[in-house]
Amino acid sequence: MSNIRITKQFNFETGHALYGYDGKCKNVHGHSYKLSVTVIGKPITDNSNVKFGMVIDFTDLKKIVKEEVVDQFDHATVFNKNTPHVELAMELQARDHHVILVDYQPTSENMVIDFANRIKSRLPQGIELHSLKLQETETSFAEWYQSDN
């Protein structure tokens, strides 16, 4: 049986700021992110299985990505916890804002690595994460491929 890739797309809104950056992105701002998640595997060949013919049920993939990424990052502000932005984060949290502190500069490049690790840990046996595409704007995106890592 052939390996097949399937892709599910997600949308979420997230704010961030890049500490120490020499351009406008040093300021707190947000993006309407688009995340494309592609997994690879062999379709189920057991015709008694309710998922017969599927690599993974899109509903199952959606549940994983929503729990690991979308539900956590949607309408959150992400800061590197190893910078003075932690003070701003604490102030926002005290005002009941949803803040995520990460141990990396919250660029699209680093976020897509984080998302890959989160998603890979939840995929069922026999299903591999093939790639992620995190689109920050209509013309700017970061991609992660398992074959590169």
N, C-alpha and C. Protein backbone atom coordinates (compact mmCIF):
# COMPACT_ATOMS: atom_id res chain seq x y z
N MET A 1 0.86 -1.18 0.00
CA MET A 1 0.00 0.00 0.00
C MET A 1 0.90 1.23 0.00
N SER A 2 0.49 2.23 -0.74
CA SER A 2 1.25 3.47 -0.88
C SER A 2 1.14 4.35 0.35
N ASN A 3 2.18 5.11 0.61
CA ASN A 3 2.10 6.17 1.60
C ASN A 3 1.32 7.34 0.99
N ILE A 4 0.46 7.92 1.79
CA ILE A 4 -0.36 9.05 1.35
C ILE A 4 -0.18 10.18 2.35
N ARG A 5 -0.08 11.40 1.84
CA ARG A 5 -0.02 12.59 2.68
C ARG A 5 -1.40 13.23 2.72
N ILE A 6 -1.83 13.61 3.90
CA ILE A 6 -3.06 14.39 4.02
C ILE A 6 -2.74 15.66 4.81
N THR A 7 -3.48 16.71 4.48
CA THR A 7 -3.22 18.03 5.08
C THR A 7 -4.51 18.60 5.63
N LYS A 8 -4.41 19.19 6.81
CA LYS A 8 -5.52 19.92 7.43
C LYS A 8 -5.00 21.32 7.74
N GLN A 9 -5.85 22.33 7.49
CA GLN A 9 -5.46 23.72 7.71
C GLN A 9 -6.21 24.29 8.92
N PHE A 10 -5.54 25.19 9.64
CA PHE A 10 -6.07 25.81 10.84
C PHE A 10 -5.78 27.31 10.81
N ASN A 11 -6.63 28.08 11.47
CA ASN A 11 -6.44 29.52 11.60
C ASN A 11 -6.53 29.91 13.06
N PHE A 12 -5.67 30.84 13.46
CA PHE A 12 -5.74 31.37 14.82
C PHE A 12 -5.05 32.73 14.86
N GLU A 13 -5.40 33.50 15.87
CA GLU A 13 -4.86 34.86 16.06
C GLU A 13 -3.91 34.82 17.25
N THR A 14 -2.71 35.35 17.06
CA THR A 14 -1.73 35.37 18.14
C THR A 14 -0.93 36.66 18.07
N GLY A 15 -0.63 37.22 19.24
CA GLY A 15 0.24 38.38 19.34
C GLY A 15 1.61 37.96 19.81
N HIS A 16 2.60 38.78 19.52
CA HIS A 16 3.95 38.52 20.01
C HIS A 16 4.78 39.79 19.88
N ALA A 17 5.98 39.74 20.41
CA ALA A 17 6.96 40.80 20.25
C ALA A 17 8.33 40.15 20.24
N LEU A 18 9.23 40.70 19.44
CA LEU A 18 10.57 40.13 19.31
C LEU A 18 11.56 41.02 20.06
N TYR A 19 11.93 40.58 21.25
CA TYR A 19 12.83 41.37 22.08
C TYR A 19 14.19 41.51 21.40
N GLY A 20 14.70 42.74 21.37
CA GLY A 20 16.02 43.03 20.81
C GLY A 20 16.04 43.17 19.30
N TYR A 21 14.92 42.97 18.65
CA TYR A 21 14.86 43.08 17.19
C TYR A 21 15.04 44.54 16.78
N ASP A 22 15.63 44.78 15.61
CA ASP A 22 15.94 46.14 15.18
C ASP A 22 14.89 46.74 14.24
N GLY A 23 13.69 46.19 14.23
CA GLY A 23 12.64 46.71 13.36
C GLY A 23 11.32 46.80 14.11
N LYS A 24 10.25 46.99 13.35
CA LYS A 24 8.93 47.20 13.95
C LYS A 24 8.44 46.03 14.79
N CYS A 25 8.92 44.84 14.51
CA CYS A 25 8.43 43.65 15.23
C CYS A 25 8.92 43.58 16.67
N LYS A 26 9.72 44.57 17.10
CA LYS A 26 10.06 44.65 18.52
C LYS A 26 8.85 45.09 19.33
N ASN A 27 7.88 45.70 18.66
CA ASN A 27 6.64 46.14 19.31
C ASN A 27 5.64 44.99 19.37
N VAL A 28 4.80 45.01 20.39
CA VAL A 28 3.75 44.00 20.50
C VAL A 28 2.80 44.18 19.32
N HIS A 29 2.55 43.10 18.61
CA HIS A 29 1.66 43.12 17.45
C HIS A 29 1.10 41.72 17.26
N GLY A 30 0.17 41.56 16.34
CA GLY A 30 -0.44 40.25 16.15
C GLY A 30 -0.53 39.85 14.70
N HIS A 31 -0.83 38.57 14.51
CA HIS A 31 -0.97 38.00 13.18
C HIS A 31 -2.19 37.08 13.14
N SER A 32 -2.77 36.96 11.98
CA SER A 32 -3.79 35.95 11.70
C SER A 32 -3.04 34.78 11.07
N TYR A 33 -2.60 33.85 11.91
CA TYR A 33 -1.79 32.73 11.44
C TYR A 33 -2.64 31.70 10.71
N LYS A 34 -2.03 31.08 9.71
CA LYS A 34 -2.60 29.93 9.02
C LYS A 34 -1.59 28.81 9.17
N LEU A 35 -2.03 27.69 9.72
CA LEU A 35 -1.16 26.54 9.93
C LEU A 35 -1.66 25.38 9.09
N SER A 36 -0.79 24.87 8.21
CA SER A 36 -1.10 23.68 7.43
C SER A 36 -0.29 22.52 8.01
N VAL A 37 -0.99 21.45 8.37
CA VAL A 37 -0.38 20.28 9.00
C VAL A 37 -0.52 19.11 8.03
N THR A 38 0.60 18.54 7.61
CA THR A 38 0.60 17.41 6.69
C THR A 38 1.20 16.20 7.38
N VAL A 39 0.45 15.11 7.39
CA VAL A 39 0.92 13.84 7.94
C VAL A 39 1.00 12.83 6.81
N ILE A 40 1.76 11.77 7.04
CA ILE A 40 1.95 10.74 6.03
C ILE A 40 1.77 9.36 6.67
N GLY A 41 1.15 8.49 5.93
CA GLY A 41 0.95 7.12 6.40
C GLY A 41 0.25 6.31 5.34
N LYS A 42 -0.03 5.06 5.66
CA LYS A 42 -0.72 4.17 4.74
C LYS A 42 -2.21 4.12 5.10
N PRO A 43 -3.09 4.20 4.12
CA PRO A 43 -4.52 4.07 4.42
C PRO A 43 -4.82 2.72 5.07
N ILE A 44 -5.77 2.70 5.97
CA ILE A 44 -6.20 1.48 6.66
C ILE A 44 -6.82 0.54 5.64
N THR A 45 -6.35 -0.71 5.63
CA THR A 45 -6.82 -1.68 4.64
C THR A 45 -7.85 -2.66 5.19
N ASP A 46 -8.06 -2.65 6.48
CA ASP A 46 -9.04 -3.54 7.11
C ASP A 46 -10.44 -3.00 6.85
N ASN A 47 -11.21 -3.69 5.99
CA ASN A 47 -12.53 -3.16 5.63
C ASN A 47 -13.57 -3.30 6.74
N SER A 48 -13.20 -3.91 7.86
CA SER A 48 -14.11 -3.94 9.00
C SER A 48 -13.87 -2.76 9.94
N ASN A 49 -12.80 -2.01 9.69
CA ASN A 49 -12.47 -0.84 10.50
C ASN A 49 -13.30 0.35 10.01
N VAL A 50 -13.92 1.07 10.93
CA VAL A 50 -14.75 2.22 10.54
C VAL A 50 -13.93 3.31 9.84
N LYS A 51 -12.63 3.28 9.99
CA LYS A 51 -11.74 4.26 9.35
C LYS A 51 -11.10 3.68 8.08
N PHE A 52 -11.68 2.62 7.55
CA PHE A 52 -11.20 1.95 6.34
C PHE A 52 -10.94 2.98 5.24
N GLY A 53 -9.74 2.91 4.65
CA GLY A 53 -9.37 3.80 3.56
C GLY A 53 -8.75 5.11 3.99
N MET A 54 -8.73 5.39 5.27
CA MET A 54 -8.17 6.65 5.78
C MET A 54 -6.74 6.44 6.28
N VAL A 55 -5.91 7.47 6.13
CA VAL A 55 -4.61 7.49 6.78
C VAL A 55 -4.84 7.81 8.25
N ILE A 56 -5.57 8.89 8.50
CA ILE A 56 -6.03 9.28 9.82
C ILE A 56 -7.31 10.07 9.57
N ASP A 57 -8.26 9.89 10.44
CA ASP A 57 -9.51 10.64 10.32
C ASP A 57 -9.18 12.12 10.50
N PHE A 58 -9.65 12.97 9.59
CA PHE A 58 -9.41 14.41 9.72
C PHE A 58 -9.89 14.93 11.07
N THR A 59 -10.95 14.35 11.61
CA THR A 59 -11.46 14.75 12.92
C THR A 59 -10.43 14.46 14.02
N ASP A 60 -9.75 13.33 13.92
CA ASP A 60 -8.73 12.97 14.91
C ASP A 60 -7.52 13.91 14.81
N LEU A 61 -7.11 14.22 13.58
CA LEU A 61 -6.00 15.16 13.39
C LEU A 61 -6.38 16.54 13.91
N LYS A 62 -7.61 16.96 13.63
CA LYS A 62 -8.09 18.26 14.11
C LYS A 62 -8.04 18.33 15.63
N LYS A 63 -8.46 17.27 16.30
CA LYS A 63 -8.46 17.25 17.78
C LYS A 63 -7.04 17.44 18.31
N ILE A 64 -6.08 16.74 17.74
CA ILE A 64 -4.69 16.85 18.19
C ILE A 64 -4.17 18.27 18.02
N VAL A 65 -4.34 18.83 16.83
CA VAL A 65 -3.78 20.16 16.54
C VAL A 65 -4.50 21.24 17.34
N LYS A 66 -5.81 21.10 17.49
CA LYS A 66 -6.54 22.09 18.30
C LYS A 66 -6.05 22.07 19.74
N GLU A 67 -5.91 20.89 20.32
CA GLU A 67 -5.48 20.79 21.72
C GLU A 67 -4.05 21.25 21.93
N GLU A 68 -3.16 20.89 21.01
CA GLU A 68 -1.73 21.18 21.18
C GLU A 68 -1.32 22.57 20.74
N VAL A 69 -2.05 23.16 19.78
CA VAL A 69 -1.62 24.45 19.22
C VAL A 69 -2.74 25.49 19.26
N VAL A 70 -3.80 25.26 18.53
CA VAL A 70 -4.82 26.29 18.32
C VAL A 70 -5.44 26.75 19.64
N ASP A 71 -5.93 25.84 20.44
CA ASP A 71 -6.59 26.24 21.70
C ASP A 71 -5.64 26.95 22.65
N GLN A 72 -4.35 26.63 22.56
CA GLN A 72 -3.38 27.26 23.45
C GLN A 72 -2.91 28.63 22.94
N PHE A 73 -2.71 28.75 21.63
CA PHE A 73 -2.13 29.97 21.08
C PHE A 73 -3.14 30.98 20.57
N ASP A 74 -4.38 30.57 20.33
CA ASP A 74 -5.37 31.49 19.80
C ASP A 74 -5.67 32.60 20.80
N HIS A 75 -5.57 33.82 20.34
CA HIS A 75 -5.80 35.03 21.14
C HIS A 75 -4.90 35.09 22.38
N ALA A 76 -3.69 34.58 22.24
CA ALA A 76 -2.67 34.70 23.28
C ALA A 76 -1.60 35.66 22.79
N THR A 77 -0.80 36.14 23.74
CA THR A 77 0.39 36.92 23.40
C THR A 77 1.59 36.11 23.85
N VAL A 78 2.56 35.93 22.96
CA VAL A 78 3.71 35.07 23.21
C VAL A 78 4.95 35.93 23.40
N PHE A 79 5.65 35.67 24.50
CA PHE A 79 6.90 36.37 24.80
C PHE A 79 7.98 35.35 25.14
N ASN A 80 9.23 35.72 24.85
CA ASN A 80 10.38 34.94 25.30
C ASN A 80 10.56 35.20 26.79
N LYS A 81 10.47 34.14 27.58
CA LYS A 81 10.54 34.29 29.04
C LYS A 81 11.94 34.65 29.53
N ASN A 82 12.93 34.59 28.67
CA ASN A 82 14.32 34.88 29.04
C ASN A 82 14.72 36.30 28.68
N THR A 83 13.74 37.19 28.58
CA THR A 83 14.00 38.59 28.24
C THR A 83 13.24 39.48 29.21
N PRO A 84 13.51 40.78 29.19
CA PRO A 84 12.73 41.69 30.02
C PRO A 84 11.24 41.74 29.66
N HIS A 85 10.85 41.14 28.54
CA HIS A 85 9.42 41.06 28.22
C HIS A 85 8.63 40.31 29.29
N VAL A 86 9.33 39.55 30.11
CA VAL A 86 8.65 38.80 31.17
C VAL A 86 7.92 39.77 32.12
N GLU A 87 8.47 40.97 32.30
CA GLU A 87 7.81 41.97 33.15
C GLU A 87 6.49 42.42 32.53
N LEU A 88 6.48 42.66 31.23
CA LEU A 88 5.25 43.01 30.53
C LEU A 88 4.27 41.85 30.59
N ALA A 89 4.77 40.65 30.42
CA ALA A 89 3.91 39.46 30.48
C ALA A 89 3.21 39.36 31.83
N MET A 90 3.96 39.60 32.90
CA MET A 90 3.37 39.51 34.24
C MET A 90 2.29 40.57 34.43
N GLU A 91 2.53 41.76 33.91
CA GLU A 91 1.53 42.83 34.00
C GLU A 91 0.26 42.45 33.23
N LEU A 92 0.43 41.91 32.05
CA LEU A 92 -0.73 41.49 31.26
C LEU A 92 -1.49 40.35 31.94
N GLN A 93 -0.75 39.39 32.48
CA GLN A 93 -1.40 38.28 33.18
C GLN A 93 -2.18 38.77 34.39
N ALA A 94 -1.63 39.76 35.08
CA ALA A 94 -2.33 40.33 36.24
C ALA A 94 -3.64 41.00 35.83
N ARG A 95 -3.73 41.39 34.57
CA ARG A 95 -4.94 42.01 34.04
C ARG A 95 -5.79 41.00 33.28
N ASP A 96 -5.54 39.72 33.55
CA ASP A 96 -6.33 38.60 33.00
C ASP A 96 -6.18 38.42 31.50
N HIS A 97 -4.99 38.73 30.97
CA HIS A 97 -4.70 38.47 29.55
C HIS A 97 -4.08 37.08 29.43
N HIS A 98 -4.32 36.43 28.30
CA HIS A 98 -3.75 35.12 28.03
C HIS A 98 -2.34 35.31 27.45
N VAL A 99 -1.34 34.96 28.24
CA VAL A 99 0.06 35.12 27.86
C VAL A 99 0.74 33.76 27.89
N ILE A 100 1.56 33.51 26.89
CA ILE A 100 2.38 32.29 26.85
C ILE A 100 3.83 32.71 26.91
N LEU A 101 4.56 32.16 27.86
CA LEU A 101 6.00 32.41 27.96
C LEU A 101 6.73 31.19 27.43
N VAL A 102 7.58 31.42 26.45
CA VAL A 102 8.33 30.34 25.83
C VAL A 102 9.82 30.58 26.04
N ASP A 103 10.62 29.54 25.81
CA ASP A 103 12.06 29.68 26.02
C ASP A 103 12.80 29.95 24.70
N TYR A 104 12.10 30.59 23.76
CA TYR A 104 12.69 30.93 22.47
C TYR A 104 12.15 32.28 22.00
N GLN A 105 12.84 32.89 21.06
CA GLN A 105 12.34 34.11 20.41
C GLN A 105 11.12 33.70 19.59
N PRO A 106 9.94 34.29 19.81
CA PRO A 106 8.72 33.81 19.16
C PRO A 106 8.56 34.25 17.70
N THR A 107 9.52 33.82 16.90
CA THR A 107 9.45 34.02 15.45
C THR A 107 8.63 32.88 14.85
N SER A 108 8.20 33.05 13.63
CA SER A 108 7.49 31.96 12.94
C SER A 108 8.38 30.72 12.85
N GLU A 109 9.67 30.93 12.62
CA GLU A 109 10.60 29.80 12.51
C GLU A 109 10.61 28.97 13.79
N ASN A 110 10.74 29.64 14.93
CA ASN A 110 10.80 28.92 16.20
C ASN A 110 9.44 28.37 16.61
N MET A 111 8.39 29.08 16.30
CA MET A 111 7.05 28.59 16.63
C MET A 111 6.73 27.32 15.86
N VAL A 112 7.13 27.25 14.60
CA VAL A 112 6.82 26.05 13.81
C VAL A 112 7.59 24.83 14.33
N ILE A 113 8.79 25.04 14.87
CA ILE A 113 9.54 23.94 15.50
C ILE A 113 8.80 23.48 16.75
N ASP A 114 8.36 24.42 17.57
CA ASP A 114 7.60 24.11 18.78
C ASP A 114 6.33 23.32 18.42
N PHE A 115 5.60 23.80 17.42
CA PHE A 115 4.35 23.14 17.01
C PHE A 115 4.62 21.72 16.51
N ALA A 116 5.70 21.54 15.76
CA ALA A 116 6.05 20.20 15.26
C ALA A 116 6.27 19.24 16.42
N ASN A 117 7.01 19.67 17.43
CA ASN A 117 7.26 18.81 18.58
C ASN A 117 5.98 18.47 19.33
N ARG A 118 5.09 19.44 19.47
CA ARG A 118 3.82 19.21 20.16
C ARG A 118 2.96 18.20 19.39
N ILE A 119 2.87 18.36 18.10
CA ILE A 119 2.00 17.51 17.28
C ILE A 119 2.58 16.10 17.16
N LYS A 120 3.88 15.98 16.92
CA LYS A 120 4.51 14.66 16.76
C LYS A 120 4.27 13.78 17.97
N SER A 121 4.29 14.38 19.15
CA SER A 121 4.14 13.59 20.37
C SER A 121 2.75 12.98 20.52
N ARG A 122 1.79 13.46 19.75
CA ARG A 122 0.41 12.99 19.89
C ARG A 122 -0.08 12.11 18.74
N LEU A 123 0.69 11.98 17.68
CA LEU A 123 0.22 11.21 16.53
C LEU A 123 0.21 9.71 16.84
N PRO A 124 -0.79 9.00 16.33
CA PRO A 124 -0.85 7.55 16.56
C PRO A 124 0.27 6.82 15.84
N GLN A 125 0.53 5.60 16.29
CA GLN A 125 1.56 4.77 15.68
C GLN A 125 1.25 4.58 14.20
N GLY A 126 2.28 4.67 13.37
CA GLY A 126 2.13 4.48 11.94
C GLY A 126 1.84 5.76 11.18
N ILE A 127 1.61 6.86 11.90
CA ILE A 127 1.38 8.16 11.27
C ILE A 127 2.55 9.06 11.63
N GLU A 128 3.17 9.65 10.62
CA GLU A 128 4.31 10.53 10.83
C GLU A 128 3.94 11.96 10.43
N LEU A 129 4.48 12.92 11.17
CA LEU A 129 4.34 14.31 10.75
C LEU A 129 5.27 14.53 9.57
N HIS A 130 4.73 14.94 8.46
CA HIS A 130 5.53 15.16 7.25
C HIS A 130 6.03 16.59 7.19
N SER A 131 5.09 17.57 7.39
CA SER A 131 5.49 18.97 7.29
C SER A 131 4.46 19.88 7.95
N LEU A 132 4.94 21.08 8.26
CA LEU A 132 4.09 22.15 8.76
C LEU A 132 4.42 23.40 7.97
N LYS A 133 3.41 24.20 7.72
CA LYS A 133 3.60 25.52 7.12
C LYS A 133 2.86 26.51 8.00
N LEU A 134 3.60 27.44 8.57
CA LEU A 134 3.02 28.47 9.43
C LEU A 134 3.09 29.79 8.68
N GLN A 135 1.94 30.25 8.25
CA GLN A 135 1.85 31.48 7.47
C GLN A 135 1.51 32.64 8.41
N GLU A 136 2.40 33.62 8.44
CA GLU A 136 2.27 34.78 9.32
C GLU A 136 1.50 35.91 8.63
N THR A 137 1.75 36.09 7.36
CA THR A 137 1.04 37.07 6.54
C THR A 137 0.73 36.38 5.20
N GLU A 138 0.08 37.09 4.32
CA GLU A 138 -0.23 36.51 3.00
C GLU A 138 1.02 36.14 2.22
N THR A 139 2.15 36.80 2.52
CA THR A 139 3.35 36.58 1.72
C THR A 139 4.54 36.05 2.52
N SER A 140 4.35 35.76 3.80
CA SER A 140 5.47 35.34 4.65
C SER A 140 5.10 34.10 5.45
N PHE A 141 5.95 33.09 5.38
CA PHE A 141 5.68 31.85 6.12
C PHE A 141 6.96 31.10 6.42
N ALA A 142 6.88 30.19 7.40
CA ALA A 142 7.98 29.30 7.74
C ALA A 142 7.49 27.88 7.54
N GLU A 143 8.37 27.02 7.05
CA GLU A 143 8.01 25.63 6.82
C GLU A 143 8.96 24.71 7.58
N TRP A 144 8.41 23.61 8.08
CA TRP A 144 9.17 22.57 8.76
C TRP A 144 8.88 21.27 8.03
N TYR A 145 9.95 20.55 7.67
CA TYR A 145 9.81 19.23 7.03
C TYR A 145 10.57 18.20 7.85
N GLN A 146 9.93 17.06 8.12
CA GLN A 146 10.59 15.99 8.85
C GLN A 146 11.86 15.56 8.14
N SER A 147 11.84 15.52 6.81
CA SER A 147 13.01 15.07 6.05
C SER A 147 14.22 15.97 6.23
N ASP A 148 14.01 17.19 6.70
CA ASP A 148 15.12 18.13 6.94
C ASP A 148 15.69 18.00 8.35
N ASN A 149 15.03 17.23 9.17
CA ASN A 149 15.39 17.20 10.61
C ASN A 149 15.83 15.83 11.10
